[in-house]
Full PDB file with SEQRES, HELIX, SHEET, SSBOND, CRYST1, ORIGX, SCALE, CONECT and MASTER records, all heavy atoms in Angstrom:
SEQRES   1 A   33  LEU ALA ILE VAL LYS ARG LEU VAL GLU VAL GLN GLY GLY          
SEQRES   2 A   33  GLN ILE GLY VAL GLU SER ARG LEU GLY GLU GLY THR THR          
SEQRES   3 A   33  PHE SER PHE THR LEU PRO LEU                                  
HELIX    1 AA1 ALA A    2  VAL A   10  1                                   9    
SHEET    1 AA1 2 ILE A  15  ARG A  20  0                                        
SHEET    2 AA1 2 GLY A  24  PHE A  29 -1                                        
CRYST1    1.000    1.000    1.000  90.00  90.00  90.00 P 1           1          
ORIGX1      1.000000  0.000000  0.000000        0.00000                         
ORIGX2      0.000000  1.000000  0.000000        0.00000                         
ORIGX3      0.000000  0.000000  1.000000        0.00000                         
SCALE1      1.000000  0.000000  0.000000        0.00000                         
SCALE2      0.000000  1.000000  0.000000        0.00000                         
SCALE3      0.000000  0.000000  1.000000        0.00000                         
ATOM      1  N   LEU A   1     111.939  63.110 151.847  1.00  0.00           N  
ATOM      2  CA  LEU A   1     111.769  64.301 151.026  1.00  0.00           C  
ATOM      3  C   LEU A   1     110.307  64.553 150.681  1.00  0.00           C  
ATOM      4  O   LEU A   1     109.890  65.701 150.517  1.00  0.00           O  
ATOM      5  CB  LEU A   1     112.620  64.216 149.763  1.00  0.00           C  
ATOM      6  CG  LEU A   1     114.124  64.324 150.007  1.00  0.00           C  
ATOM      7  CD1 LEU A   1     114.900  64.103 148.713  1.00  0.00           C  
ATOM      8  CD2 LEU A   1     114.479  65.672 150.625  1.00  0.00           C  
ATOM      9  N   ALA A   2     109.509  63.500 150.604  1.00  0.00           N  
ATOM     10  CA  ALA A   2     108.065  63.681 150.398  1.00  0.00           C  
ATOM     11  C   ALA A   2     107.450  64.376 151.607  1.00  0.00           C  
ATOM     12  O   ALA A   2     106.607  65.274 151.468  1.00  0.00           O  
ATOM     13  CB  ALA A   2     107.384  62.339 150.143  1.00  0.00           C  
ATOM     14  N   ILE A   3     107.881  63.996 152.798  1.00  0.00           N  
ATOM     15  CA  ILE A   3     107.396  64.636 154.023  1.00  0.00           C  
ATOM     16  C   ILE A   3     107.875  66.081 154.085  1.00  0.00           C  
ATOM     17  O   ILE A   3     107.109  66.984 154.424  1.00  0.00           O  
ATOM     18  CB  ILE A   3     107.843  63.842 155.263  1.00  0.00           C  
ATOM     19  CG1 ILE A   3     107.120  62.493 155.313  1.00  0.00           C  
ATOM     20  CG2 ILE A   3     107.607  64.638 156.543  1.00  0.00           C  
ATOM     21  CD1 ILE A   3     107.657  61.524 156.335  1.00  0.00           C  
ATOM     22  N   VAL A   4     109.133  66.310 153.746  1.00  0.00           N  
ATOM     23  CA  VAL A   4     109.679  67.666 153.736  1.00  0.00           C  
ATOM     24  C   VAL A   4     108.855  68.552 152.803  1.00  0.00           C  
ATOM     25  O   VAL A   4     108.471  69.678 153.162  1.00  0.00           O  
ATOM     26  CB  VAL A   4     111.166  67.659 153.318  1.00  0.00           C  
ATOM     27  CG1 VAL A   4     111.643  69.039 152.925  1.00  0.00           C  
ATOM     28  CG2 VAL A   4     112.019  67.103 154.442  1.00  0.00           C  
ATOM     29  N   LYS A   5     108.575  68.077 151.617  1.00  0.00           N  
ATOM     30  CA  LYS A   5     107.786  68.851 150.646  1.00  0.00           C  
ATOM     31  C   LYS A   5     106.425  69.197 151.227  1.00  0.00           C  
ATOM     32  O   LYS A   5     105.960  70.337 151.133  1.00  0.00           O  
ATOM     33  CB  LYS A   5     107.630  68.071 149.345  1.00  0.00           C  
ATOM     34  CG  LYS A   5     106.864  68.836 148.274  1.00  0.00           C  
ATOM     35  CD  LYS A   5     106.822  68.037 146.968  1.00  0.00           C  
ATOM     36  CE  LYS A   5     106.326  68.887 145.832  1.00  0.00           C  
ATOM     37  NZ  LYS A   5     104.935  68.736 145.532  1.00  0.00           N  
ATOM     38  N   ARG A   6     105.782  68.236 151.837  1.00  0.00           N  
ATOM     39  CA  ARG A   6     104.454  68.460 152.426  1.00  0.00           C  
ATOM     40  C   ARG A   6     104.539  69.487 153.565  1.00  0.00           C  
ATOM     41  O   ARG A   6     103.683  70.366 153.670  1.00  0.00           O  
ATOM     42  CB  ARG A   6     103.880  67.132 152.925  1.00  0.00           C  
ATOM     43  CG  ARG A   6     102.531  67.251 153.547  1.00  0.00           C  
ATOM     44  CD  ARG A   6     101.467  67.542 152.508  1.00  0.00           C  
ATOM     45  NE  ARG A   6     100.185  67.685 153.183  1.00  0.00           N  
ATOM     46  CZ  ARG A   6      99.355  68.697 153.013  1.00  0.00           C  
ATOM     47  NH1 ARG A   6      99.637  69.646 152.169  1.00  0.00           N  
ATOM     48  NH2 ARG A   6      98.224  68.758 153.667  1.00  0.00           N  
ATOM     49  N   LEU A   7     105.547  69.382 154.422  1.00  0.00           N  
ATOM     50  CA  LEU A   7     105.702  70.321 155.534  1.00  0.00           C  
ATOM     51  C   LEU A   7     105.949  71.745 155.041  1.00  0.00           C  
ATOM     52  O   LEU A   7     105.461  72.710 155.634  1.00  0.00           O  
ATOM     53  CB  LEU A   7     106.835  69.889 156.462  1.00  0.00           C  
ATOM     54  CG  LEU A   7     106.589  68.621 157.276  1.00  0.00           C  
ATOM     55  CD1 LEU A   7     107.846  68.234 158.051  1.00  0.00           C  
ATOM     56  CD2 LEU A   7     105.402  68.786 158.204  1.00  0.00           C  
ATOM     57  N   VAL A   8     106.705  71.886 153.971  1.00  0.00           N  
ATOM     58  CA  VAL A   8     106.958  73.213 153.400  1.00  0.00           C  
ATOM     59  C   VAL A   8     105.664  73.770 152.801  1.00  0.00           C  
ATOM     60  O   VAL A   8     105.277  74.912 153.069  1.00  0.00           O  
ATOM     61  CB  VAL A   8     108.074  73.158 152.331  1.00  0.00           C  
ATOM     62  CG1 VAL A   8     108.149  74.450 151.537  1.00  0.00           C  
ATOM     63  CG2 VAL A   8     109.417  72.852 152.975  1.00  0.00           C  
ATOM     64  N   GLU A   9     104.975  72.957 152.009  1.00  0.00           N  
ATOM     65  CA  GLU A   9     103.783  73.430 151.318  1.00  0.00           C  
ATOM     66  C   GLU A   9     102.637  73.756 152.265  1.00  0.00           C  
ATOM     67  O   GLU A   9     101.903  74.721 152.040  1.00  0.00           O  
ATOM     68  CB  GLU A   9     103.350  72.412 150.269  1.00  0.00           C  
ATOM     69  CG  GLU A   9     104.314  72.359 149.092  1.00  0.00           C  
ATOM     70  CD  GLU A   9     103.977  71.294 148.072  1.00  0.00           C  
ATOM     71  OE1 GLU A   9     103.138  70.406 148.366  1.00  0.00           O  
ATOM     72  OE2 GLU A   9     104.557  71.348 146.971  1.00  0.00           O  
ATOM     73  N   VAL A  10     102.466  72.983 153.331  1.00  0.00           N  
ATOM     74  CA  VAL A  10     101.379  73.234 154.272  1.00  0.00           C  
ATOM     75  C   VAL A  10     101.571  74.571 155.000  1.00  0.00           C  
ATOM     76  O   VAL A  10     100.614  75.153 155.514  1.00  0.00           O  
ATOM     77  CB  VAL A  10     101.213  72.061 155.264  1.00  0.00           C  
ATOM     78  CG1 VAL A  10     102.257  72.075 156.349  1.00  0.00           C  
ATOM     79  CG2 VAL A  10      99.822  72.058 155.877  1.00  0.00           C  
ATOM     80  N   GLN A  11     102.796  75.095 154.992  1.00  0.00           N  
ATOM     81  CA  GLN A  11     103.091  76.382 155.615  1.00  0.00           C  
ATOM     82  C   GLN A  11     103.152  77.516 154.590  1.00  0.00           C  
ATOM     83  O   GLN A  11     103.608  78.617 154.903  1.00  0.00           O  
ATOM     84  CB  GLN A  11     104.405  76.297 156.394  1.00  0.00           C  
ATOM     85  CG  GLN A  11     104.320  75.295 157.540  1.00  0.00           C  
ATOM     86  CD  GLN A  11     105.607  75.230 158.304  1.00  0.00           C  
ATOM     87  OE1 GLN A  11     105.752  75.916 159.304  1.00  0.00           O  
ATOM     88  NE2 GLN A  11     106.550  74.432 157.820  1.00  0.00           N  
ATOM     89  N   GLY A  12     102.722  77.246 153.367  1.00  0.00           N  
ATOM     90  CA  GLY A  12     102.661  78.285 152.351  1.00  0.00           C  
ATOM     91  C   GLY A  12     103.936  78.495 151.570  1.00  0.00           C  
ATOM     92  O   GLY A  12     104.098  79.525 150.914  1.00  0.00           O  
ATOM     93  N   GLY A  13     104.850  77.529 151.621  1.00  0.00           N  
ATOM     94  CA  GLY A  13     106.122  77.662 150.920  1.00  0.00           C  
ATOM     95  C   GLY A  13     106.251  76.722 149.746  1.00  0.00           C  
ATOM     96  O   GLY A  13     105.327  75.980 149.407  1.00  0.00           O  
ATOM     97  N   GLN A  14     107.411  76.762 149.122  1.00  0.00           N  
ATOM     98  CA  GLN A  14     107.750  75.883 148.005  1.00  0.00           C  
ATOM     99  C   GLN A  14     109.152  75.345 148.222  1.00  0.00           C  
ATOM    100  O   GLN A  14     109.957  75.952 148.927  1.00  0.00           O  
ATOM    101  CB  GLN A  14     107.699  76.634 146.684  1.00  0.00           C  
ATOM    102  CG  GLN A  14     106.334  77.149 146.322  1.00  0.00           C  
ATOM    103  CD  GLN A  14     106.352  77.890 144.987  1.00  0.00           C  
ATOM    104  OE1 GLN A  14     107.398  78.285 144.469  1.00  0.00           O  
ATOM    105  NE2 GLN A  14     105.173  78.086 144.412  1.00  0.00           N  
ATOM    106  N   ILE A  15     109.432  74.199 147.598  1.00  0.00           N  
ATOM    107  CA  ILE A  15     110.756  73.590 147.712  1.00  0.00           C  
ATOM    108  C   ILE A  15     111.261  73.216 146.325  1.00  0.00           C  
ATOM    109  O   ILE A  15     110.460  72.899 145.432  1.00  0.00           O  
ATOM    110  CB  ILE A  15     110.735  72.360 148.648  1.00  0.00           C  
ATOM    111  CG1 ILE A  15     112.159  71.873 148.923  1.00  0.00           C  
ATOM    112  CG2 ILE A  15     109.842  71.262 148.095  1.00  0.00           C  
ATOM    113  CD1 ILE A  15     112.274  70.928 150.093  1.00  0.00           C  
ATOM    114  N   GLY A  16     112.573  73.278 146.160  1.00  0.00           N  
ATOM    115  CA  GLY A  16     113.182  72.905 144.895  1.00  0.00           C  
ATOM    116  C   GLY A  16     114.560  72.318 145.128  1.00  0.00           C  
ATOM    117  O   GLY A  16     115.104  72.371 146.232  1.00  0.00           O  
ATOM    118  N   VAL A  17     115.122  71.759 144.064  1.00  0.00           N  
ATOM    119  CA  VAL A  17     116.435  71.129 144.155  1.00  0.00           C  
ATOM    120  C   VAL A  17     117.229  71.402 142.884  1.00  0.00           C  
ATOM    121  O   VAL A  17     116.663  71.451 141.792  1.00  0.00           O  
ATOM    122  CB  VAL A  17     116.304  69.603 144.409  1.00  0.00           C  
ATOM    123  CG1 VAL A  17     115.564  68.912 143.278  1.00  0.00           C  
ATOM    124  CG2 VAL A  17     117.665  68.956 144.639  1.00  0.00           C  
ATOM    125  N   GLU A  18     118.523  71.613 143.048  1.00  0.00           N  
ATOM    126  CA  GLU A  18     119.472  71.708 141.944  1.00  0.00           C  
ATOM    127  C   GLU A  18     120.627  70.788 142.275  1.00  0.00           C  
ATOM    128  O   GLU A  18     121.071  70.732 143.425  1.00  0.00           O  
ATOM    129  CB  GLU A  18     119.994  73.133 141.788  1.00  0.00           C  
ATOM    130  CG  GLU A  18     118.945  74.146 141.412  1.00  0.00           C  
ATOM    131  CD  GLU A  18     119.512  75.554 141.322  1.00  0.00           C  
ATOM    132  OE1 GLU A  18     120.743  75.716 141.326  1.00  0.00           O  
ATOM    133  OE2 GLU A  18     118.702  76.485 141.257  1.00  0.00           O  
ATOM    134  N   SER A  19     121.107  70.056 141.281  1.00  0.00           N  
ATOM    135  CA  SER A  19     122.178  69.108 141.563  1.00  0.00           C  
ATOM    136  C   SER A  19     122.989  68.809 140.318  1.00  0.00           C  
ATOM    137  O   SER A  19     122.479  68.872 139.198  1.00  0.00           O  
ATOM    138  CB  SER A  19     121.580  67.807 142.112  1.00  0.00           C  
ATOM    139  OG  SER A  19     122.601  66.959 142.556  1.00  0.00           O  
ATOM    140  N   ARG A  20     124.241  68.462 140.566  1.00  0.00           N  
ATOM    141  CA  ARG A  20     125.136  67.984 139.513  1.00  0.00           C  
ATOM    142  C   ARG A  20     125.891  66.779 140.048  1.00  0.00           C  
ATOM    143  O   ARG A  20     126.477  66.844 141.139  1.00  0.00           O  
ATOM    144  CB  ARG A  20     126.127  69.059 139.106  1.00  0.00           C  
ATOM    145  CG  ARG A  20     125.479  70.180 138.351  1.00  0.00           C  
ATOM    146  CD  ARG A  20     126.525  70.976 137.638  1.00  0.00           C  
ATOM    147  NE  ARG A  20     125.842  71.850 136.699  1.00  0.00           N  
ATOM    148  CZ  ARG A  20     126.344  72.948 136.240  1.00  0.00           C  
ATOM    149  NH1 ARG A  20     127.540  73.321 136.620  1.00  0.00           N  
ATOM    150  NH2 ARG A  20     125.685  73.677 135.387  1.00  0.00           N  
ATOM    151  N   LEU A  21     125.870  65.703 139.289  1.00  0.00           N  
ATOM    152  CA  LEU A  21     126.573  64.493 139.712  1.00  0.00           C  
ATOM    153  C   LEU A  21     128.042  64.798 139.972  1.00  0.00           C  
ATOM    154  O   LEU A  21     128.695  65.472 139.184  1.00  0.00           O  
ATOM    155  CB  LEU A  21     126.456  63.398 138.644  1.00  0.00           C  
ATOM    156  CG  LEU A  21     125.153  62.622 138.644  1.00  0.00           C  
ATOM    157  CD1 LEU A  21     125.123  61.641 137.473  1.00  0.00           C  
ATOM    158  CD2 LEU A  21     124.947  61.882 139.951  1.00  0.00           C  
ATOM    159  N   GLY A  22     128.527  64.317 141.094  1.00  0.00           N  
ATOM    160  CA  GLY A  22     129.918  64.493 141.465  1.00  0.00           C  
ATOM    161  C   GLY A  22     130.266  65.862 142.011  1.00  0.00           C  
ATOM    162  O   GLY A  22     131.401  66.098 142.417  1.00  0.00           O  
ATOM    163  N   GLU A  23     129.314  66.785 142.032  1.00  0.00           N  
ATOM    164  CA  GLU A  23     129.597  68.146 142.499  1.00  0.00           C  
ATOM    165  C   GLU A  23     128.781  68.550 143.710  1.00  0.00           C  
ATOM    166  O   GLU A  23     129.198  69.404 144.474  1.00  0.00           O  
ATOM    167  CB  GLU A  23     129.361  69.143 141.369  1.00  0.00           C  
ATOM    168  CG  GLU A  23     130.322  68.976 140.207  1.00  0.00           C  
ATOM    169  CD  GLU A  23     130.092  70.006 139.122  1.00  0.00           C  
ATOM    170  OE1 GLU A  23     129.535  71.080 139.415  1.00  0.00           O  
ATOM    171  OE2 GLU A  23     130.456  69.722 137.976  1.00  0.00           O  
ATOM    172  N   GLY A  24     127.600  67.970 143.865  1.00  0.00           N  
ATOM    173  CA  GLY A  24     126.797  68.301 145.027  1.00  0.00           C  
ATOM    174  C   GLY A  24     125.373  68.685 144.696  1.00  0.00           C  
ATOM    175  O   GLY A  24     124.957  68.685 143.540  1.00  0.00           O  
ATOM    176  N   THR A  25     124.642  69.035 145.753  1.00  0.00           N  
ATOM    177  CA  THR A  25     123.213  69.302 145.648  1.00  0.00           C  
ATOM    178  C   THR A  25     122.846  70.487 146.530  1.00  0.00           C  
ATOM    179  O   THR A  25     123.403  70.667 147.608  1.00  0.00           O  
ATOM    180  CB  THR A  25     122.414  68.061 146.100  1.00  0.00           C  
ATOM    181  OG1 THR A  25     122.792  66.954 145.283  1.00  0.00           O  
ATOM    182  CG2 THR A  25     120.916  68.283 146.007  1.00  0.00           C  
ATOM    183  N   THR A  26     121.864  71.260 146.065  1.00  0.00           N  
ATOM    184  CA  THR A  26     121.280  72.334 146.870  1.00  0.00           C  
ATOM    185  C   THR A  26     119.773  72.138 146.924  1.00  0.00           C  
ATOM    186  O   THR A  26     119.111  72.081 145.887  1.00  0.00           O  
ATOM    187  CB  THR A  26     121.581  73.723 146.282  1.00  0.00           C  
ATOM    188  OG1 THR A  26     122.993  73.939 146.295  1.00  0.00           O  
ATOM    189  CG2 THR A  26     120.894  74.817 147.098  1.00  0.00           C  
ATOM    190  N   PHE A  27     119.250  71.998 148.137  1.00  0.00           N  
ATOM    191  CA  PHE A  27     117.817  72.014 148.374  1.00  0.00           C  
ATOM    192  C   PHE A  27     117.490  73.388 148.904  1.00  0.00           C  
ATOM    193  O   PHE A  27     118.119  73.858 149.858  1.00  0.00           O  
ATOM    194  CB  PHE A  27     117.403  70.954 149.387  1.00  0.00           C  
ATOM    195  CG  PHE A  27     117.340  69.568 148.809  1.00  0.00           C  
ATOM    196  CD1 PHE A  27     118.431  68.730 148.876  1.00  0.00           C  
ATOM    197  CD2 PHE A  27     116.190  69.115 148.200  1.00  0.00           C  
ATOM    198  CE1 PHE A  27     118.388  67.452 148.342  1.00  0.00           C  
ATOM    199  CE2 PHE A  27     116.131  67.837 147.656  1.00  0.00           C  
ATOM    200  CZ  PHE A  27     117.225  67.007 147.727  1.00  0.00           C  
ATOM    201  N   SER A  28     116.503  74.053 148.303  1.00  0.00           N  
ATOM    202  CA  SER A  28     116.065  75.371 148.757  1.00  0.00           C  
ATOM    203  C   SER A  28     114.564  75.332 148.990  1.00  0.00           C  
ATOM    204  O   SER A  28     113.826  74.707 148.235  1.00  0.00           O  
ATOM    205  CB  SER A  28     116.375  76.439 147.714  1.00  0.00           C  
ATOM    206  OG  SER A  28     117.755  76.551 147.503  1.00  0.00           O  
ATOM    207  N   PHE A  29     114.144  76.012 150.061  1.00  0.00           N  
ATOM    208  CA  PHE A  29     112.705  76.118 150.303  1.00  0.00           C  
ATOM    209  C   PHE A  29     112.383  77.503 150.828  1.00  0.00           C  
ATOM    210  O   PHE A  29     113.238  78.187 151.393  1.00  0.00           O  
ATOM    211  CB  PHE A  29     112.217  75.024 151.266  1.00  0.00           C  
ATOM    212  CG  PHE A  29     112.750  75.082 152.668  1.00  0.00           C  
ATOM    213  CD1 PHE A  29     112.020  75.710 153.671  1.00  0.00           C  
ATOM    214  CD2 PHE A  29     113.970  74.513 152.989  1.00  0.00           C  
ATOM    215  CE1 PHE A  29     112.505  75.764 154.970  1.00  0.00           C  
ATOM    216  CE2 PHE A  29     114.460  74.561 154.282  1.00  0.00           C  
ATOM    217  CZ  PHE A  29     113.722  75.185 155.280  1.00  0.00           C  
ATOM    218  N   THR A  30     111.146  77.919 150.599  1.00  0.00           N  
ATOM    219  CA  THR A  30     110.694  79.230 151.031  1.00  0.00           C  
ATOM    220  C   THR A  30     109.631  79.075 152.113  1.00  0.00           C  
ATOM    221  O   THR A  30     108.890  78.101 152.131  1.00  0.00           O  
ATOM    222  CB  THR A  30     110.088  80.035 149.865  1.00  0.00           C  
ATOM    223  OG1 THR A  30     108.936  79.339 149.357  1.00  0.00           O  
ATOM    224  CG2 THR A  30     111.097  80.250 148.754  1.00  0.00           C  
ATOM    225  N   LEU A  31     109.586  80.071 152.994  1.00  0.00           N  
ATOM    226  CA  LEU A  31     108.520  80.191 153.984  1.00  0.00           C  
ATOM    227  C   LEU A  31     108.172  81.670 154.073  1.00  0.00           C  
ATOM    228  O   LEU A  31     109.053  82.526 153.956  1.00  0.00           O  
ATOM    229  CB  LEU A  31     108.966  79.646 155.339  1.00  0.00           C  
ATOM    230  CG  LEU A  31     109.185  78.139 155.396  1.00  0.00           C  
ATOM    231  CD1 LEU A  31     109.786  77.745 156.747  1.00  0.00           C  
ATOM    232  CD2 LEU A  31     107.884  77.378 155.156  1.00  0.00           C  
ATOM    233  N   PRO A  32     106.893  81.973 154.255  1.00  0.00           N  
ATOM    234  CA  PRO A  32     106.480  83.380 154.266  1.00  0.00           C  
ATOM    235  C   PRO A  32     107.013  84.148 155.466  1.00  0.00           C  
ATOM    236  O   PRO A  32     107.134  83.606 156.567  1.00  0.00           O  
ATOM    237  CB  PRO A  32     104.951  83.318 154.290  1.00  0.00           C  
ATOM    238  CG  PRO A  32     104.606  81.937 154.704  1.00  0.00           C  
ATOM    239  CD  PRO A  32     105.773  81.056 154.399  1.00  0.00           C  
ATOM    240  N   LEU A  33     107.314  85.416 155.227  1.00  0.00           N  
ATOM    241  CA  LEU A  33     107.693  86.322 156.303  1.00  0.00           C  
ATOM    242  C   LEU A  33     106.443  86.790 157.039  1.00  0.00           C  
ATOM    243  O   LEU A  33     105.363  86.832 156.466  1.00  0.00           O  
ATOM    244  CB  LEU A  33     108.446  87.534 155.754  1.00  0.00           C  
ATOM    245  CG  LEU A  33     109.805  87.258 155.112  1.00  0.00           C  
ATOM    246  CD1 LEU A  33     110.305  88.522 154.421  1.00  0.00           C  
ATOM    247  CD2 LEU A  33     110.795  86.778 156.143  1.00  0.00           C  
TER     248      LEU A  33                                                      
MASTER        0    0    0    1    2    0    0    6  247    1    0    3          
END                                                                             
């Protein structure tokens, strides 16, 4: 995930995470159009 964050940021994007124990996780990242 540290590498993923770096790869997203070096391309001008951002990454985030939302999660709830026992329910699941969503990783979202942006990249410019």
